[in-house]
Every structure is written in structure tokens, then in C-alpha cells.
């Protein structure tokens, strides 16, 4: 099984984001757009494994004292790897950093770079320099305004059916609700 730990956005936030991306999607129909139901923020990727019970136990151990928190979008941007990846980025939130740090520690993953929460929205081949500049400009002008509360994180299985990814929730883990 191909597993990852992620924040699943509420349905209302997914719908809101989808609406805010409409114009950009029309301008770039050739991009490979992430479907609304697959919007998530990956916290940790486990890869191919059958150690589900062990993973669930370690996640529970890692997050036993982590409080729920909110995320607020700040905008969109892109990075280039073998392809370009468009993403939504969020205001810094220390509790999500604490959460990912505890997950990395319990799974003995060396933290190479600091975790920055982001939500992938599309992928495409690397454009020409002019196309890149135009796209970058459009992304910086795109008003993306979503915010949501994170009270649970989820272990997902990624299933590839043809060219389509299907993410199935395997387990959910509740975060602490802070006392007011």
C-alpha cells in the first residue's frame, strides 16, 4: 500500500478553493489539475508499506499532546522540479510545524528542511521563460482566501486507477481541543 499522512480540507473549503481557481483553470486547461476531492496537505509520505498497524500506533504516540489549529491561505505560487507544481501556501502556524516535527521524530526521519504547509493544485511541463513569467504574475495576483480548522489528521492510501489518483482514508486521528 502507498500511504501518506495528511490534512483533509473540509468540503466547504474545497468548494471555495475550486471556485477561486476557476479563471486560472480556464486560462491553463492543459495543466494536470488536482481534483477538488483530492485537495489535501501532505504531512508525511510513507511510500509503499504494509506496516499499517505500526504506523497508526506511532502516529497516535506522536500526536497525543498536539492541539487543533487553524490554517489561513496567503496565496499561490509554483516551484520547478521535473515539472512545475502550482500550490496554495499558508500563514505560518507553529502547531503544524510541531506536528510534522513529532511525526518525523517518531518515524526517525531526518529533517532536511523545515516543513512548509502547501496544497498542490496543478502540475505541468516546464514552460518557456516568457510563459513562466506570465504564469508567476497570474499566480501572485490570484486572490485565494480559504481558512479552516484542523481537528483531525488522516492516514490515506493512494490508489492509481489509470491516470487518476484516488485517495482512500485508512484512519483518522483527533487532535486535542484546547480549553478556552
C-alpha atoms as a PDB file:
ATOM      1  CA  UNK A   1       0.000   0.000   0.000  1.00  0.00           C
ATOM      2  CA  UNK A   2       1.143   3.518  -0.820  1.00  0.00           C
ATOM      3  CA  UNK A   3       0.439   5.596   2.316  1.00  0.00           C
ATOM      4  CA  UNK A   4       0.651   9.216   3.392  1.00  0.00           C
ATOM      5  CA  UNK A   5      -0.458  11.311   6.368  1.00  0.00           C
ATOM      6  CA  UNK A   6      -2.378  14.468   5.517  1.00  0.00           C
ATOM      7  CA  UNK A   7      -4.756  17.238   6.450  1.00  0.00           C
ATOM      8  CA  UNK A   8      -8.003  16.816   4.581  1.00  0.00           C
ATOM      9  CA  UNK A   9      -9.777  20.106   3.920  1.00  0.00           C
ATOM     10  CA  UNK A  10     -13.434  20.470   4.860  1.00  0.00           C
ATOM     11  CA  UNK A  11     -15.796  20.079   1.892  1.00  0.00           C
ATOM     12  CA  UNK A  12     -16.792  23.762   2.108  1.00  0.00           C
ATOM     13  CA  UNK A  13     -13.141  24.878   1.838  1.00  0.00           C
ATOM     14  CA  UNK A  14     -12.553  22.521  -1.098  1.00  0.00           C
ATOM     15  CA  UNK A  15     -15.561  24.001  -2.890  1.00  0.00           C
ATOM     16  CA  UNK A  16     -14.472  27.559  -2.092  1.00  0.00           C
ATOM     17  CA  UNK A  17     -10.954  26.895  -3.393  1.00  0.00           C
ATOM     18  CA  UNK A  18     -12.284  25.241  -6.533  1.00  0.00           C
ATOM     19  CA  UNK A  19     -14.396  28.349  -7.253  1.00  0.00           C
ATOM     20  CA  UNK A  20     -11.407  30.644  -6.700  1.00  0.00           C
ATOM     21  CA  UNK A  21      -9.332  28.604  -9.184  1.00  0.00           C
ATOM     22  CA  UNK A  22     -11.944  28.639 -11.993  1.00  0.00           C
ATOM     23  CA  UNK A  23     -10.411  31.506 -14.013  1.00  0.00           C
ATOM     24  CA  UNK A  24      -6.887  30.113 -13.738  1.00  0.00           C
ATOM     25  CA  UNK A  25      -8.107  26.667 -14.812  1.00  0.00           C
ATOM     26  CA  UNK A  26      -9.754  28.184 -17.886  1.00  0.00           C
ATOM     27  CA  UNK A  27      -6.501  30.001 -18.755  1.00  0.00           C
ATOM     28  CA  UNK A  28      -4.459  26.775 -18.399  1.00  0.00           C
ATOM     29  CA  UNK A  29      -6.699  23.861 -19.437  1.00  0.00           C
ATOM     30  CA  UNK A  30      -3.671  21.777 -20.484  1.00  0.00           C
ATOM     31  CA  UNK A  31      -2.381  21.610 -16.882  1.00  0.00           C
ATOM     32  CA  UNK A  32      -2.982  18.488 -14.836  1.00  0.00           C
ATOM     33  CA  UNK A  33      -5.334  19.920 -12.190  1.00  0.00           C
ATOM     34  CA  UNK A  34      -5.822  18.218  -8.832  1.00  0.00           C
ATOM     35  CA  UNK A  35      -9.483  17.314  -8.454  1.00  0.00           C
ATOM     36  CA  UNK A  36     -11.440  19.014  -5.711  1.00  0.00           C
ATOM     37  CA  UNK A  37     -11.965  15.775  -3.784  1.00  0.00           C
ATOM     38  CA  UNK A  38      -8.185  15.236  -3.682  1.00  0.00           C
ATOM     39  CA  UNK A  39      -7.279  18.623  -2.131  1.00  0.00           C
ATOM     40  CA  UNK A  40      -5.107  17.909   0.916  1.00  0.00           C
ATOM     41  CA  UNK A  41      -1.920  18.992   2.672  1.00  0.00           C
ATOM     42  CA  UNK A  42       0.587  16.167   2.968  1.00  0.00           C
ATOM     43  CA  UNK A  43       2.289  15.991   6.356  1.00  0.00           C
ATOM     44  CA  UNK A  44       4.369  12.866   5.747  1.00  0.00           C
ATOM     45  CA  UNK A  45       4.752  10.395   2.894  1.00  0.00           C
ATOM     46  CA  UNK A  46       5.372   6.780   3.920  1.00  0.00           C
ATOM     47  CA  UNK A  47       5.563   5.279   0.451  1.00  0.00           C
ATOM     48  CA  UNK A  48       4.932   1.579  -0.198  1.00  0.00           C
ATOM     49  CA  UNK A  49       4.384  -0.275   3.070  1.00  0.00           C
ATOM     50  CA  UNK A  50       2.186  -2.879   4.719  1.00  0.00           C
ATOM     51  CA  UNK A  51       3.027  -1.749   8.261  1.00  0.00           C
ATOM     52  CA  UNK A  52      -0.374  -0.056   8.809  1.00  0.00           C
ATOM     53  CA  UNK A  53      -0.847  -1.052  12.465  1.00  0.00           C
ATOM     54  CA  UNK A  54       2.661   0.040  13.396  1.00  0.00           C
ATOM     55  CA  UNK A  55       2.242   3.356  11.542  1.00  0.00           C
ATOM     56  CA  UNK A  56      -1.109   4.066  13.225  1.00  0.00           C
ATOM     57  CA  UNK A  57       0.363   3.310  16.665  1.00  0.00           C
ATOM     58  CA  UNK A  58       3.327   5.633  16.092  1.00  0.00           C
ATOM     59  CA  UNK A  59       1.088   8.434  14.800  1.00  0.00           C
ATOM     60  CA  UNK A  60      -1.053   8.195  17.950  1.00  0.00           C
ATOM     61  CA  UNK A  61       2.110   8.334  20.083  1.00  0.00           C
ATOM     62  CA  UNK A  62       3.453  11.331  18.180  1.00  0.00           C
ATOM     63  CA  UNK A  63       0.310  13.467  18.315  1.00  0.00           C
ATOM     64  CA  UNK A  64      -1.043  12.647  21.788  1.00  0.00           C
ATOM     65  CA  UNK A  65      -0.446  16.227  23.010  1.00  0.00           C
ATOM     66  CA  UNK A  66      -0.832  18.230  19.778  1.00  0.00           C
ATOM     67  CA  UNK A  67      -3.685  20.750  19.803  1.00  0.00           C
ATOM     68  CA  UNK A  68      -6.016  21.548  16.950  1.00  0.00           C
ATOM     69  CA  UNK A  69      -5.231  24.679  14.939  1.00  0.00           C
ATOM     70  CA  UNK A  70      -6.372  26.814  12.014  1.00  0.00           C
ATOM     71  CA  UNK A  71      -4.747  27.381   8.653  1.00  0.00           C
ATOM     72  CA  UNK A  72      -5.140  30.568   6.615  1.00  0.00           C
ATOM     73  CA  UNK A  73      -4.191  30.754   2.942  1.00  0.00           C
ATOM     74  CA  UNK A  74      -1.834  33.507   1.824  1.00  0.00           C
ATOM     75  CA  UNK A  75      -1.710  32.942  -1.929  1.00  0.00           C
ATOM     76  CA  UNK A  76      -0.470  30.759  -4.747  1.00  0.00           C
ATOM     77  CA  UNK A  77       2.966  30.124  -6.191  1.00  0.00           C
ATOM     78  CA  UNK A  78       4.907  27.478  -8.068  1.00  0.00           C
ATOM     79  CA  UNK A  79       8.124  25.546  -7.897  1.00  0.00           C
ATOM     80  CA  UNK A  80      10.020  23.650 -10.527  1.00  0.00           C
ATOM     81  CA  UNK A  81      11.232  20.120 -10.067  1.00  0.00           C
ATOM     82  CA  UNK A  82      10.959  17.835 -13.095  1.00  0.00           C
ATOM     83  CA  UNK A  83       7.675  19.624 -13.773  1.00  0.00           C
ATOM     84  CA  UNK A  84       6.146  22.830 -12.492  1.00  0.00           C
ATOM     85  CA  UNK A  85       3.931  22.427  -9.457  1.00  0.00           C
ATOM     86  CA  UNK A  86       1.339  25.080  -8.604  1.00  0.00           C
ATOM     87  CA  UNK A  87       0.333  25.296  -4.967  1.00  0.00           C
ATOM     88  CA  UNK A  88      -1.541  27.270  -2.327  1.00  0.00           C
ATOM     89  CA  UNK A  89       0.592  28.346   0.621  1.00  0.00           C
ATOM     90  CA  UNK A  90      -0.480  29.218   4.148  1.00  0.00           C
ATOM     91  CA  UNK A  91       0.325  31.566   7.013  1.00  0.00           C
ATOM     92  CA  UNK A  92       2.969  30.136   9.331  1.00  0.00           C
ATOM     93  CA  UNK A  93       1.436  28.037  12.082  1.00  0.00           C
ATOM     94  CA  UNK A  94       3.710  26.730  14.819  1.00  0.00           C
ATOM     95  CA  UNK A  95       1.390  23.851  15.740  1.00  0.00           C
ATOM     96  CA  UNK A  96       1.563  22.335  12.237  1.00  0.00           C
ATOM     97  CA  UNK A  97       5.363  22.637  12.430  1.00  0.00           C
ATOM     98  CA  UNK A  98       5.308  20.944  15.844  1.00  0.00           C
ATOM     99  CA  UNK A  99       3.039  18.216  14.475  1.00  0.00           C
ATOM    100  CA  UNK A 100       5.264  17.414  11.496  1.00  0.00           C
ATOM    101  CA  UNK A 101       8.395  17.569  13.634  1.00  0.00           C
ATOM    102  CA  UNK A 102       6.941  14.989  16.045  1.00  0.00           C
ATOM    103  CA  UNK A 103       5.906  12.755  13.139  1.00  0.00           C
ATOM    104  CA  UNK A 104       9.404  12.922  11.624  1.00  0.00           C
ATOM    105  CA  UNK A 105      10.998  12.226  15.002  1.00  0.00           C
ATOM    106  CA  UNK A 106       8.886   9.146  15.809  1.00  0.00           C
ATOM    107  CA  UNK A 107       9.481   7.731  12.319  1.00  0.00           C
ATOM    108  CA  UNK A 108      13.193   8.602  12.593  1.00  0.00           C
ATOM    109  CA  UNK A 109      13.212  10.819   9.517  1.00  0.00           C
ATOM    110  CA  UNK A 110      15.989  13.367   9.431  1.00  0.00           C
ATOM    111  CA  UNK A 111      14.526  16.847   8.973  1.00  0.00           C
ATOM    112  CA  UNK A 112      16.433  18.145   5.959  1.00  0.00           C
ATOM    113  CA  UNK A 113      14.353  21.284   5.526  1.00  0.00           C
ATOM    114  CA  UNK A 114      11.604  22.898   7.548  1.00  0.00           C
ATOM    115  CA  UNK A 115       8.073  21.806   6.721  1.00  0.00           C
ATOM    116  CA  UNK A 116       6.036  24.437   4.913  1.00  0.00           C
ATOM    117  CA  UNK A 117       2.359  23.522   4.543  1.00  0.00           C
ATOM    118  CA  UNK A 118       1.152  23.740   0.965  1.00  0.00           C
ATOM    119  CA  UNK A 119      -1.656  22.337  -1.120  1.00  0.00           C
ATOM    120  CA  UNK A 120      -0.776  21.208  -4.642  1.00  0.00           C
ATOM    121  CA  UNK A 121      -3.368  22.414  -7.161  1.00  0.00           C
ATOM    122  CA  UNK A 122      -1.792  21.555 -10.541  1.00  0.00           C
ATOM    123  CA  UNK A 123       1.211  20.176 -12.410  1.00  0.00           C
ATOM    124  CA  UNK A 124       2.508  20.801 -15.903  1.00  0.00           C
ATOM    125  CA  UNK A 125       5.572  20.529 -18.082  1.00  0.00           C
ATOM    126  CA  UNK A 126       8.183  23.237 -17.643  1.00  0.00           C
ATOM    127  CA  UNK A 127       7.130  26.285 -19.704  1.00  0.00           C
ATOM    128  CA  UNK A 128       9.228  28.724 -21.695  1.00  0.00           C
ATOM    129  CA  UNK A 129      10.744  31.627 -19.773  1.00  0.00           C
ATOM    130  CA  UNK A 130       8.041  34.038 -21.000  1.00  0.00           C
ATOM    131  CA  UNK A 131       5.234  31.592 -20.134  1.00  0.00           C
ATOM    132  CA  UNK A 132       6.817  31.091 -16.707  1.00  0.00           C
ATOM    133  CA  UNK A 133       6.924  34.838 -16.036  1.00  0.00           C
ATOM    134  CA  UNK A 134       3.289  35.284 -17.129  1.00  0.00           C
ATOM    135  CA  UNK A 135       2.135  32.345 -15.006  1.00  0.00           C
ATOM    136  CA  UNK A 136       4.070  33.565 -11.971  1.00  0.00           C
ATOM    137  CA  UNK A 137       2.463  37.017 -12.339  1.00  0.00           C
ATOM    138  CA  UNK A 138      -1.039  35.499 -12.576  1.00  0.00           C
ATOM    139  CA  UNK A 139      -0.430  33.352  -9.509  1.00  0.00           C
ATOM    140  CA  UNK A 140       0.693  36.312  -7.417  1.00  0.00           C
ATOM    141  CA  UNK A 141      -2.433  38.258  -8.414  1.00  0.00           C
ATOM    142  CA  UNK A 142      -4.828  35.384  -7.776  1.00  0.00           C
ATOM    143  CA  UNK A 143      -6.954  36.043  -4.675  1.00  0.00           C
ATOM    144  CA  UNK A 144      -7.093  32.762  -2.764  1.00  0.00           C
ATOM    145  CA  UNK A 145      -8.869  33.118   0.549  1.00  0.00           C
ATOM    146  CA  UNK A 146      -9.611  29.975   2.481  1.00  0.00           C
ATOM    147  CA  UNK A 147      -9.254  29.188   6.155  1.00  0.00           C
ATOM    148  CA  UNK A 148     -10.254  26.153   8.119  1.00  0.00           C
ATOM    149  CA  UNK A 149      -9.815  24.409  11.425  1.00  0.00           C
ATOM    150  CA  UNK A 150      -7.759  21.233  11.701  1.00  0.00           C
ATOM    151  CA  UNK A 151      -9.119  18.937  14.379  1.00  0.00           C
ATOM    152  CA  UNK A 152      -8.062  15.653  12.758  1.00  0.00           C
ATOM    153  CA  UNK A 153      -5.346  14.316  10.520  1.00  0.00           C
ATOM    154  CA  UNK A 154      -5.776  11.304   8.274  1.00  0.00           C
ATOM    155  CA  UNK A 155      -3.797   8.337   7.011  1.00  0.00           C
ATOM    156  CA  UNK A 156      -4.556   7.880   3.308  1.00  0.00           C
ATOM    157  CA  UNK A 157      -3.887   5.149   0.818  1.00  0.00           C
ATOM    158  CA  UNK A 158      -3.061   6.415  -2.673  1.00  0.00           C
ATOM    159  CA  UNK A 159      -4.517   4.199  -5.385  1.00  0.00           C
ATOM    160  CA  UNK A 160      -3.691   4.772  -9.045  1.00  0.00           C
ATOM    161  CA  UNK A 161      -6.539   3.870 -11.386  1.00  0.00           C
ATOM    162  CA  UNK A 162      -5.383   4.534 -14.938  1.00  0.00           C
ATOM    163  CA  UNK A 163      -4.148   8.141 -14.878  1.00  0.00           C
ATOM    164  CA  UNK A 164      -6.308   9.083 -11.873  1.00  0.00           C
ATOM    165  CA  UNK A 165      -5.264   9.053  -8.219  1.00  0.00           C
ATOM    166  CA  UNK A 166      -7.843   8.003  -5.669  1.00  0.00           C
ATOM    167  CA  UNK A 167      -7.161   8.762  -2.017  1.00  0.00           C
ATOM    168  CA  UNK A 168      -8.874   6.482   0.467  1.00  0.00           C
ATOM    169  CA  UNK A 169      -8.883   7.281   4.199  1.00  0.00           C
ATOM    170  CA  UNK A 170      -7.442   4.379   6.175  1.00  0.00           C
ATOM    171  CA  UNK A 171      -7.555   6.017   9.628  1.00  0.00           C
ATOM    172  CA  UNK A 172      -8.275   9.359  11.305  1.00  0.00           C
ATOM    173  CA  UNK A 173      -6.515  10.813  14.341  1.00  0.00           C
ATOM    174  CA  UNK A 174      -8.076  13.526  16.517  1.00  0.00           C
ATOM    175  CA  UNK A 175      -6.022  16.431  17.787  1.00  0.00           C
ATOM    176  CA  UNK A 176      -6.621  17.948  21.225  1.00  0.00           C
ATOM    177  CA  UNK A 177      -9.258  20.647  21.501  1.00  0.00           C
ATOM    178  CA  UNK A 178      -7.712  23.483  23.559  1.00  0.00           C
ATOM    179  CA  UNK A 179      -9.594  24.638  26.657  1.00  0.00           C
ATOM    180  CA  UNK A 180     -10.847  28.199  26.469  1.00  0.00           C
END
